[in-house]
């Protein structure tokens, strides 16, 4: 069994040349929101959920992006409501959020 039930990686890469990247869409702030919300819901820690920052995940044109393991489900999101939906549906209830899946 994995150390975490779910391991979530948020791309927070910022490209200095002005090219498309996740950080231009507030990726770090939304990752911070996810981490805080998971703590508030008691989802953080061993056997539960880990929210991590990742460098470039090389899906810039679809950004901002995050990926949830072990299922390797990729999501694109816009705002806190999208992040909350991913947490509520996927991380709490094991249901993939099809409308955000890429």
Protein backbone atom coordinates (compact mmCIF):
# COMPACT_ATOMS: atom_id res chain seq x y z
CA UNK A 1 0.00 0.00 0.00
CA UNK A 2 1.14 3.53 -0.77
CA UNK A 3 2.16 5.87 2.05
CA UNK A 4 -0.60 8.27 0.96
CA UNK A 5 -4.06 7.39 -0.31
CA UNK A 6 -3.76 10.27 -2.77
CA UNK A 7 -0.71 12.25 -3.80
CA UNK A 8 -1.58 15.49 -5.61
CA UNK A 9 1.01 17.39 -7.63
CA UNK A 10 0.33 21.00 -8.65
CA UNK A 11 2.46 22.45 -11.42
CA UNK A 12 3.57 25.89 -10.21
CA UNK A 13 6.18 26.51 -12.88
CA UNK A 14 6.80 30.09 -14.02
CA UNK A 15 8.44 30.51 -17.42
CA UNK A 16 10.59 33.65 -17.42
CA UNK A 17 10.20 34.20 -21.17
CA UNK A 18 6.46 34.94 -20.85
CA UNK A 19 5.40 31.64 -22.43
CA UNK A 20 2.30 29.79 -21.24
CA UNK A 21 2.74 28.30 -17.79
CA UNK A 22 0.66 27.31 -14.79
CA UNK A 23 1.91 30.02 -12.45
CA UNK A 24 0.42 32.69 -14.74
CA UNK A 25 -2.97 31.29 -13.62
CA UNK A 26 -2.36 31.58 -9.85
CA UNK A 27 -1.25 27.97 -9.49
CA UNK A 28 0.69 28.56 -6.25
CA UNK A 29 -2.21 30.31 -4.52
CA UNK A 30 -4.62 27.58 -5.57
CA UNK A 31 -2.21 24.88 -4.44
CA UNK A 32 -1.97 26.66 -1.07
CA UNK A 33 -5.77 26.73 -0.90
CA UNK A 34 -5.92 22.97 -1.58
CA UNK A 35 -3.34 22.24 1.10
CA UNK A 36 -5.18 24.36 3.68
CA UNK A 37 -8.58 22.91 2.82
CA UNK A 38 -7.27 19.34 3.09
CA UNK A 39 -5.86 20.19 6.54
CA UNK A 40 -9.20 21.69 7.61
CA UNK A 41 -11.04 18.56 6.46
CA UNK A 42 -8.61 16.26 8.29
CA UNK A 43 -7.39 14.76 5.01
CA UNK A 44 -3.67 15.49 5.45
CA UNK A 45 -1.08 13.02 6.64
CA UNK A 46 0.03 9.43 6.35
CA UNK A 47 -2.58 7.19 4.78
CA UNK A 48 -4.53 10.22 3.59
CA UNK A 49 -3.72 13.06 1.16
CA UNK A 50 -0.47 14.84 0.34
CA UNK A 51 -0.55 18.10 -1.63
CA UNK A 52 2.78 18.86 -3.33
CA UNK A 53 4.31 21.54 -5.48
CA UNK A 54 5.79 20.33 -8.74
CA UNK A 55 7.96 21.97 -11.30
CA UNK A 56 6.89 21.91 -14.92
CA UNK A 57 4.65 18.94 -15.69
CA UNK A 58 4.93 19.72 -19.42
CA UNK A 59 1.23 20.28 -20.11
CA UNK A 60 1.49 24.06 -20.29
CA UNK A 61 -1.09 24.51 -23.04
CA UNK A 62 -3.70 22.82 -20.81
CA UNK A 63 -2.79 24.69 -17.66
CA UNK A 64 -3.04 25.23 -14.93
CA UNK A 65 -2.75 21.53 -14.21
CA UNK A 66 -2.53 19.09 -11.33
CA UNK A 67 -2.29 15.32 -11.27
CA UNK A 68 -3.70 12.93 -8.67
CA UNK A 69 -1.92 9.64 -7.99
CA UNK A 70 -2.19 6.68 -7.76
CA UNK A 71 -4.81 6.93 -10.53
CA UNK A 72 -2.74 9.39 -12.59
CA UNK A 73 -5.80 11.56 -13.23
CA UNK A 74 -4.92 14.94 -14.74
CA UNK A 75 -7.06 18.01 -14.09
CA UNK A 76 -7.14 21.57 -15.31
CA UNK A 77 -8.81 24.14 -13.05
CA UNK A 78 -9.66 27.83 -12.95
CA UNK A 79 -10.51 28.84 -9.39
CA UNK A 80 -11.05 27.77 -5.78
CA UNK A 81 -14.44 26.30 -6.66
CA UNK A 82 -12.78 23.89 -9.10
CA UNK A 83 -10.18 22.92 -6.49
CA UNK A 84 -12.92 22.39 -3.89
CA UNK A 85 -14.82 20.18 -6.32
CA UNK A 86 -11.72 18.04 -6.92
CA UNK A 87 -11.21 17.73 -3.16
CA UNK A 88 -14.88 16.97 -2.43
CA UNK A 89 -15.43 14.54 -5.26
CA UNK A 90 -12.09 12.85 -5.95
CA UNK A 91 -10.17 13.07 -2.68
CA UNK A 92 -13.12 12.61 -0.32
CA UNK A 93 -15.39 10.35 -2.35
CA UNK A 94 -13.16 8.69 -4.96
CA UNK A 95 -15.14 10.07 -7.91
CA UNK A 96 -13.25 11.56 -10.85
CA UNK A 97 -14.43 15.05 -11.82
CA UNK A 98 -14.98 14.44 -15.51
CA UNK A 99 -15.61 18.10 -16.43
CA UNK A 100 -12.13 19.08 -15.20
CA UNK A 101 -10.25 16.01 -16.41
CA UNK A 102 -7.74 16.43 -19.23
